[in-house]
């Protein structure tokens, strides 16, 4: 399992001729890093002198967001694992025998499910990332000023994760024959891409301005 690898083993596996893990799993890792950094900013703020000027409502909001980040960072690792497993099942299905009608039917069933999995898994990463922009903005707006750069990196990681994940959705879309379903994927992708660019740019500019001040 990917989560059990040390960093050297993982990056060496990523660099190998094996097609999985690939970009989808890398996107899941980037997403987990973004959520983890956001949690770190909260941890460096809550119950710290950096929070003395903050209202109880903001502190409560940070505590809740921190719990969300701790949960979501693990979910991203789960999706990282699922992305590799789904692609492996897809390749296995491609290589299934198709000499008889029965074999063809079984192979088609496995392939159809694998196509859904390798498209839905990266989209799930992007959707989850989109749900935590508010937490990153909270970290940037009210977090410990000494960790503001970490909030900026978190935003960049999420932006990279969303765009990377949606590239993996896009490359699989030609396999989807249902035009209405394909159009729905494209509409959701366009919305998430536009939001990601806007919000990551906003946070990055804010962080840069604070560091330049």
C-alpha atoms as a PDB file:
ATOM      1  CA  UNK A   1       0.000   0.000   0.000  1.00  0.00           C
ATOM      2  CA  UNK A   2       1.203   3.493  -0.850  1.00  0.00           C
ATOM      3  CA  UNK A   3       0.573   4.875   2.638  1.00  0.00           C
ATOM      4  CA  UNK A   4       3.002   2.346   4.077  1.00  0.00           C
ATOM      5  CA  UNK A   5       5.878   3.392   1.812  1.00  0.00           C
ATOM      6  CA  UNK A   6       8.580   5.766   2.987  1.00  0.00           C
ATOM      7  CA  UNK A   7       9.144   8.855   0.857  1.00  0.00           C
ATOM      8  CA  UNK A   8      12.115   7.456  -1.043  1.00  0.00           C
ATOM      9  CA  UNK A   9      10.238   4.261  -1.933  1.00  0.00           C
ATOM     10  CA  UNK A  10       7.162   6.186  -3.055  1.00  0.00           C
ATOM     11  CA  UNK A  11       8.986   8.647  -5.313  1.00  0.00           C
ATOM     12  CA  UNK A  12      11.063   5.832  -6.787  1.00  0.00           C
ATOM     13  CA  UNK A  13       7.868   3.908  -7.553  1.00  0.00           C
ATOM     14  CA  UNK A  14       6.368   7.058  -9.049  1.00  0.00           C
ATOM     15  CA  UNK A  15       9.479   7.473 -11.234  1.00  0.00           C
ATOM     16  CA  UNK A  16       9.457   3.865 -12.444  1.00  0.00           C
ATOM     17  CA  UNK A  17       7.996   2.424 -15.657  1.00  0.00           C
ATOM     18  CA  UNK A  18       4.894   1.321 -13.738  1.00  0.00           C
ATOM     19  CA  UNK A  19       1.877   3.451 -14.803  1.00  0.00           C
ATOM     20  CA  UNK A  20       0.471   3.329 -11.265  1.00  0.00           C
ATOM     21  CA  UNK A  21       0.896   5.159  -8.983  1.00  0.00           C
ATOM     22  CA  UNK A  22       0.757   8.097 -11.341  1.00  0.00           C
ATOM     23  CA  UNK A  23      -0.635  11.591 -11.606  1.00  0.00           C
ATOM     24  CA  UNK A  24      -3.883  10.779  -9.824  1.00  0.00           C
ATOM     25  CA  UNK A  25      -2.133   9.501  -6.722  1.00  0.00           C
ATOM     26  CA  UNK A  26       0.299  12.423  -6.822  1.00  0.00           C
ATOM     27  CA  UNK A  27      -2.717  14.757  -6.869  1.00  0.00           C
ATOM     28  CA  UNK A  28      -4.171  12.995  -3.829  1.00  0.00           C
ATOM     29  CA  UNK A  29      -0.895  13.449  -1.992  1.00  0.00           C
ATOM     30  CA  UNK A  30      -0.771  17.157  -2.873  1.00  0.00           C
ATOM     31  CA  UNK A  31      -4.314  17.534  -1.557  1.00  0.00           C
ATOM     32  CA  UNK A  32      -3.412  15.823   1.709  1.00  0.00           C
ATOM     33  CA  UNK A  33      -0.393  18.097   2.081  1.00  0.00           C
ATOM     34  CA  UNK A  34      -2.606  21.151   1.581  1.00  0.00           C
ATOM     35  CA  UNK A  35      -5.075  20.016   4.236  1.00  0.00           C
ATOM     36  CA  UNK A  36      -2.244  19.107   6.621  1.00  0.00           C
ATOM     37  CA  UNK A  37      -0.584  22.505   6.251  1.00  0.00           C
ATOM     38  CA  UNK A  38      -3.894  24.220   6.909  1.00  0.00           C
ATOM     39  CA  UNK A  39      -4.270  22.187  10.095  1.00  0.00           C
ATOM     40  CA  UNK A  40      -0.730  23.146  11.093  1.00  0.00           C
ATOM     41  CA  UNK A  41      -1.527  26.856  10.813  1.00  0.00           C
ATOM     42  CA  UNK A  42      -4.526  26.352  13.108  1.00  0.00           C
ATOM     43  CA  UNK A  43      -2.395  24.407  15.588  1.00  0.00           C
ATOM     44  CA  UNK A  44       0.144  27.226  15.635  1.00  0.00           C
ATOM     45  CA  UNK A  45      -2.631  29.733  16.324  1.00  0.00           C
ATOM     46  CA  UNK A  46      -5.116  28.133  18.729  1.00  0.00           C
ATOM     47  CA  UNK A  47      -4.036  28.228  22.407  1.00  0.00           C
ATOM     48  CA  UNK A  48      -1.103  30.405  21.355  1.00  0.00           C
ATOM     49  CA  UNK A  49      -0.311  34.079  21.900  1.00  0.00           C
ATOM     50  CA  UNK A  50      -1.131  34.487  18.211  1.00  0.00           C
ATOM     51  CA  UNK A  51      -4.799  34.006  19.090  1.00  0.00           C
ATOM     52  CA  UNK A  52      -4.980  36.594  21.877  1.00  0.00           C
ATOM     53  CA  UNK A  53      -6.560  39.195  19.607  1.00  0.00           C
ATOM     54  CA  UNK A  54      -9.046  36.801  17.999  1.00  0.00           C
ATOM     55  CA  UNK A  55     -12.702  36.547  18.965  1.00  0.00           C
ATOM     56  CA  UNK A  56     -14.061  33.341  20.557  1.00  0.00           C
ATOM     57  CA  UNK A  57     -16.143  32.825  17.416  1.00  0.00           C
ATOM     58  CA  UNK A  58     -13.060  32.797  15.179  1.00  0.00           C
ATOM     59  CA  UNK A  59     -11.264  30.413  17.544  1.00  0.00           C
ATOM     60  CA  UNK A  60     -14.255  28.063  17.515  1.00  0.00           C
ATOM     61  CA  UNK A  61     -14.325  28.240  13.722  1.00  0.00           C
ATOM     62  CA  UNK A  62     -10.639  27.353  13.638  1.00  0.00           C
ATOM     63  CA  UNK A  63     -11.126  24.393  15.983  1.00  0.00           C
ATOM     64  CA  UNK A  64     -13.880  22.983  13.781  1.00  0.00           C
ATOM     65  CA  UNK A  65     -11.874  23.576  10.616  1.00  0.00           C
ATOM     66  CA  UNK A  66      -8.861  21.874  12.192  1.00  0.00           C
ATOM     67  CA  UNK A  67     -10.920  18.760  12.924  1.00  0.00           C
ATOM     68  CA  UNK A  68     -12.177  18.791   9.349  1.00  0.00           C
ATOM     69  CA  UNK A  69      -8.622  19.022   8.021  1.00  0.00           C
ATOM     70  CA  UNK A  70      -7.458  16.100  10.168  1.00  0.00           C
ATOM     71  CA  UNK A  71     -10.279  13.961   8.776  1.00  0.00           C
ATOM     72  CA  UNK A  72      -9.961  15.084   5.182  1.00  0.00           C
ATOM     73  CA  UNK A  73      -6.171  14.709   4.998  1.00  0.00           C
ATOM     74  CA  UNK A  74      -6.651  10.991   5.688  1.00  0.00           C
ATOM     75  CA  UNK A  75      -9.478  10.739   3.167  1.00  0.00           C
ATOM     76  CA  UNK A  76      -7.137  12.143   0.529  1.00  0.00           C
ATOM     77  CA  UNK A  77      -4.646   9.359   1.284  1.00  0.00           C
ATOM     78  CA  UNK A  78      -7.488   6.840   0.969  1.00  0.00           C
ATOM     79  CA  UNK A  79      -8.311   8.300  -2.449  1.00  0.00           C
ATOM     80  CA  UNK A  80      -4.639   8.199  -3.391  1.00  0.00           C
ATOM     81  CA  UNK A  81      -4.712   4.467  -2.695  1.00  0.00           C
ATOM     82  CA  UNK A  82      -8.015   4.061  -4.509  1.00  0.00           C
ATOM     83  CA  UNK A  83      -6.711   5.836  -7.602  1.00  0.00           C
ATOM     84  CA  UNK A  84      -3.847   3.379  -7.988  1.00  0.00           C
ATOM     85  CA  UNK A  85      -6.072   0.375  -7.218  1.00  0.00           C
ATOM     86  CA  UNK A  86      -8.713   1.533  -9.723  1.00  0.00           C
ATOM     87  CA  UNK A  87      -6.180   1.959 -12.507  1.00  0.00           C
ATOM     88  CA  UNK A  88      -4.706  -1.463 -11.759  1.00  0.00           C
ATOM     89  CA  UNK A  89      -8.197  -3.006 -12.006  1.00  0.00           C
ATOM     90  CA  UNK A  90      -8.729  -1.180 -15.301  1.00  0.00           C
ATOM     91  CA  UNK A  91      -5.516  -2.608 -16.749  1.00  0.00           C
ATOM     92  CA  UNK A  92      -6.407  -6.063 -15.451  1.00  0.00           C
ATOM     93  CA  UNK A  93      -9.823  -5.814 -17.120  1.00  0.00           C
ATOM     94  CA  UNK A  94      -8.234  -4.802 -20.424  1.00  0.00           C
ATOM     95  CA  UNK A  95      -6.132  -7.950 -20.316  1.00  0.00           C
ATOM     96  CA  UNK A  96      -9.039 -10.287 -19.544  1.00  0.00           C
ATOM     97  CA  UNK A  97      -9.761 -13.003 -22.136  1.00  0.00           C
ATOM     98  CA  UNK A  98     -12.358 -12.215 -24.799  1.00  0.00           C
ATOM     99  CA  UNK A  99     -12.444 -15.378 -26.852  1.00  0.00           C
ATOM    100  CA  UNK A 100     -16.055 -16.313 -26.094  1.00  0.00           C
ATOM    101  CA  UNK A 101     -19.276 -14.329 -25.728  1.00  0.00           C
ATOM    102  CA  UNK A 102     -19.301 -15.100 -22.026  1.00  0.00           C
ATOM    103  CA  UNK A 103     -15.717 -13.898 -21.609  1.00  0.00           C
ATOM    104  CA  UNK A 104     -16.529 -10.746 -23.575  1.00  0.00           C
ATOM    105  CA  UNK A 105     -19.528 -10.033 -21.346  1.00  0.00           C
ATOM    106  CA  UNK A 106     -17.518 -10.476 -18.151  1.00  0.00           C
ATOM    107  CA  UNK A 107     -14.684  -8.350 -19.513  1.00  0.00           C
ATOM    108  CA  UNK A 108     -17.106  -5.584 -20.560  1.00  0.00           C
ATOM    109  CA  UNK A 109     -18.715  -5.532 -17.109  1.00  0.00           C
ATOM    110  CA  UNK A 110     -15.335  -5.244 -15.384  1.00  0.00           C
ATOM    111  CA  UNK A 111     -14.156  -2.589 -17.824  1.00  0.00           C
ATOM    112  CA  UNK A 112     -17.316  -0.513 -17.479  1.00  0.00           C
ATOM    113  CA  UNK A 113     -16.967  -0.440 -13.693  1.00  0.00           C
ATOM    114  CA  UNK A 114     -13.244   0.312 -13.893  1.00  0.00           C
ATOM    115  CA  UNK A 115     -13.912   3.228 -16.255  1.00  0.00           C
ATOM    116  CA  UNK A 116     -16.309   4.707 -13.715  1.00  0.00           C
ATOM    117  CA  UNK A 117     -13.818   4.263 -10.875  1.00  0.00           C
ATOM    118  CA  UNK A 118     -10.846   5.836 -12.661  1.00  0.00           C
ATOM    119  CA  UNK A 119     -12.986   8.860 -13.526  1.00  0.00           C
ATOM    120  CA  UNK A 120     -14.914   9.308 -10.279  1.00  0.00           C
ATOM    121  CA  UNK A 121     -11.907   8.897  -7.964  1.00  0.00           C
ATOM    122  CA  UNK A 122      -9.899  11.901  -9.213  1.00  0.00           C
ATOM    123  CA  UNK A 123     -13.080  13.955  -9.416  1.00  0.00           C
ATOM    124  CA  UNK A 124     -13.724  13.130  -5.748  1.00  0.00           C
ATOM    125  CA  UNK A 125     -10.278  14.514  -4.896  1.00  0.00           C
ATOM    126  CA  UNK A 126     -11.096  17.767  -6.685  1.00  0.00           C
ATOM    127  CA  UNK A 127     -14.520  18.027  -5.041  1.00  0.00           C
ATOM    128  CA  UNK A 128     -13.046  17.522  -1.572  1.00  0.00           C
ATOM    129  CA  UNK A 129     -10.358  20.118  -2.264  1.00  0.00           C
ATOM    130  CA  UNK A 130     -13.024  22.588  -3.346  1.00  0.00           C
ATOM    131  CA  UNK A 131     -14.796  22.114  -0.024  1.00  0.00           C
ATOM    132  CA  UNK A 132     -11.841  23.311   2.060  1.00  0.00           C
ATOM    133  CA  UNK A 133     -11.038  26.633   0.430  1.00  0.00           C
ATOM    134  CA  UNK A 134     -12.855  28.421   3.263  1.00  0.00           C
ATOM    135  CA  UNK A 135     -10.560  26.738   5.799  1.00  0.00           C
ATOM    136  CA  UNK A 136      -7.451  27.863   3.927  1.00  0.00           C
ATOM    137  CA  UNK A 137      -8.781  31.409   3.725  1.00  0.00           C
ATOM    138  CA  UNK A 138      -9.492  31.286   7.473  1.00  0.00           C
ATOM    139  CA  UNK A 139      -5.897  30.192   8.089  1.00  0.00           C
ATOM    140  CA  UNK A 140      -4.595  33.011   5.899  1.00  0.00           C
ATOM    141  CA  UNK A 141      -6.872  35.692   7.340  1.00  0.00           C
ATOM    142  CA  UNK A 142      -6.530  34.877  11.053  1.00  0.00           C
ATOM    143  CA  UNK A 143      -3.698  32.387  11.442  1.00  0.00           C
ATOM    144  CA  UNK A 144      -0.401  32.943  13.184  1.00  0.00           C
ATOM    145  CA  UNK A 145       1.450  35.544  11.103  1.00  0.00           C
ATOM    146  CA  UNK A 146       4.630  33.507  11.440  1.00  0.00           C
ATOM    147  CA  UNK A 147       2.908  30.687   9.535  1.00  0.00           C
ATOM    148  CA  UNK A 148       1.295  32.780   6.808  1.00  0.00           C
ATOM    149  CA  UNK A 149       3.620  31.299   4.177  1.00  0.00           C
ATOM    150  CA  UNK A 150       2.296  27.837   5.094  1.00  0.00           C
ATOM    151  CA  UNK A 151      -1.249  28.983   4.358  1.00  0.00           C
ATOM    152  CA  UNK A 152       0.019  30.148   0.970  1.00  0.00           C
ATOM    153  CA  UNK A 153       1.660  26.802   0.271  1.00  0.00           C
ATOM    154  CA  UNK A 154      -1.560  25.044   1.333  1.00  0.00           C
ATOM    155  CA  UNK A 155      -3.476  27.072  -1.267  1.00  0.00           C
ATOM    156  CA  UNK A 156      -0.950  26.211  -3.973  1.00  0.00           C
ATOM    157  CA  UNK A 157      -1.103  22.524  -3.064  1.00  0.00           C
ATOM    158  CA  UNK A 158      -4.896  22.522  -3.305  1.00  0.00           C
ATOM    159  CA  UNK A 159      -4.839  24.354  -6.623  1.00  0.00           C
ATOM    160  CA  UNK A 160      -2.316  21.856  -7.977  1.00  0.00           C
ATOM    161  CA  UNK A 161      -4.351  18.940  -6.628  1.00  0.00           C
ATOM    162  CA  UNK A 162      -7.576  20.177  -8.212  1.00  0.00           C
ATOM    163  CA  UNK A 163      -6.047  20.891 -11.602  1.00  0.00           C
ATOM    164  CA  UNK A 164      -4.042  17.663 -11.577  1.00  0.00           C
ATOM    165  CA  UNK A 165      -7.050  15.571 -10.572  1.00  0.00           C
ATOM    166  CA  UNK A 166      -9.220  17.102 -13.249  1.00  0.00           C
ATOM    167  CA  UNK A 167      -6.606  16.356 -15.897  1.00  0.00           C
ATOM    168  CA  UNK A 168      -7.048  12.731 -14.885  1.00  0.00           C
ATOM    169  CA  UNK A 169     -10.806  13.090 -15.269  1.00  0.00           C
ATOM    170  CA  UNK A 170     -10.388  14.730 -18.661  1.00  0.00           C
ATOM    171  CA  UNK A 171      -8.138  12.020 -20.067  1.00  0.00           C
ATOM    172  CA  UNK A 172     -10.728   9.395 -19.181  1.00  0.00           C
ATOM    173  CA  UNK A 173     -13.780  11.245 -20.522  1.00  0.00           C
ATOM    174  CA  UNK A 174     -13.496   9.808 -24.081  1.00  0.00           C
ATOM    175  CA  UNK A 175     -14.273   6.390 -22.603  1.00  0.00           C
ATOM    176  CA  UNK A 176     -17.644   7.617 -21.359  1.00  0.00           C
ATOM    177  CA  UNK A 177     -20.235   7.084 -24.066  1.00  0.00           C
ATOM    178  CA  UNK A 178     -23.150   8.729 -22.241  1.00  0.00           C
ATOM    179  CA  UNK A 179     -23.004  12.260 -23.640  1.00  0.00           C
ATOM    180  CA  UNK A 180     -25.201  13.737 -20.899  1.00  0.00           C
ATOM    181  CA  UNK A 181     -22.961  12.270 -18.207  1.00  0.00           C
ATOM    182  CA  UNK A 182     -19.877  13.511 -20.041  1.00  0.00           C
ATOM    183  CA  UNK A 183     -21.347  17.020 -20.295  1.00  0.00           C
ATOM    184  CA  UNK A 184     -22.088  16.978 -16.567  1.00  0.00           C
ATOM    185  CA  UNK A 185     -18.452  16.089 -15.831  1.00  0.00           C
ATOM    186  CA  UNK A 186     -17.257  18.969 -18.025  1.00  0.00           C
ATOM    187  CA  UNK A 187     -19.595  21.452 -16.359  1.00  0.00           C
ATOM    188  CA  UNK A 188     -18.439  20.434 -12.873  1.00  0.00           C
ATOM    189  CA  UNK A 189     -14.801  20.540 -13.955  1.00  0.00           C
ATOM    190  CA  UNK A 190     -15.076  24.017 -15.403  1.00  0.00           C
ATOM    191  CA  UNK A 191     -16.670  25.297 -12.216  1.00  0.00           C
ATOM    192  CA  UNK A 192     -14.003  23.812  -9.960  1.00  0.00           C
ATOM    193  CA  UNK A 193     -11.161  24.991 -12.189  1.00  0.00           C
ATOM    194  CA  UNK A 194     -12.422  28.565 -12.267  1.00  0.00           C
ATOM    195  CA  UNK A 195     -12.958  28.645  -8.506  1.00  0.00           C
ATOM    196  CA  UNK A 196      -9.559  27.104  -7.808  1.00  0.00           C
ATOM    197  CA  UNK A 197      -7.719  29.650  -9.933  1.00  0.00           C
ATOM    198  CA  UNK A 198      -9.605  32.551  -8.390  1.00  0.00           C
ATOM    199  CA  UNK A 199      -9.251  31.473  -4.762  1.00  0.00           C
ATOM    200  CA  UNK A 200      -5.656  30.284  -4.937  1.00  0.00           C
ATOM    201  CA  UNK A 201      -4.614  33.515  -6.661  1.00  0.00           C
ATOM    202  CA  UNK A 202      -6.444  35.547  -4.013  1.00  0.00           C
ATOM    203  CA  UNK A 203      -4.747  33.724  -1.134  1.00  0.00           C
ATOM    204  CA  UNK A 204      -1.331  33.749  -2.803  1.00  0.00           C
ATOM    205  CA  UNK A 205      -1.565  37.506  -3.416  1.00  0.00           C
ATOM    206  CA  UNK A 206      -2.661  38.087   0.165  1.00  0.00           C
ATOM    207  CA  UNK A 207       0.226  36.016   1.541  1.00  0.00           C
ATOM    208  CA  UNK A 208       2.750  37.726  -0.742  1.00  0.00           C
ATOM    209  CA  UNK A 209       1.538  41.162   0.291  1.00  0.00           C
ATOM    210  CA  UNK A 210       1.856  40.272   3.975  1.00  0.00           C
ATOM    211  CA  UNK A 211       5.383  39.007   3.466  1.00  0.00           C
ATOM    212  CA  UNK A 212       6.340  42.098   1.470  1.00  0.00           C
ATOM    213  CA  UNK A 213       4.974  44.485   4.086  1.00  0.00           C
END
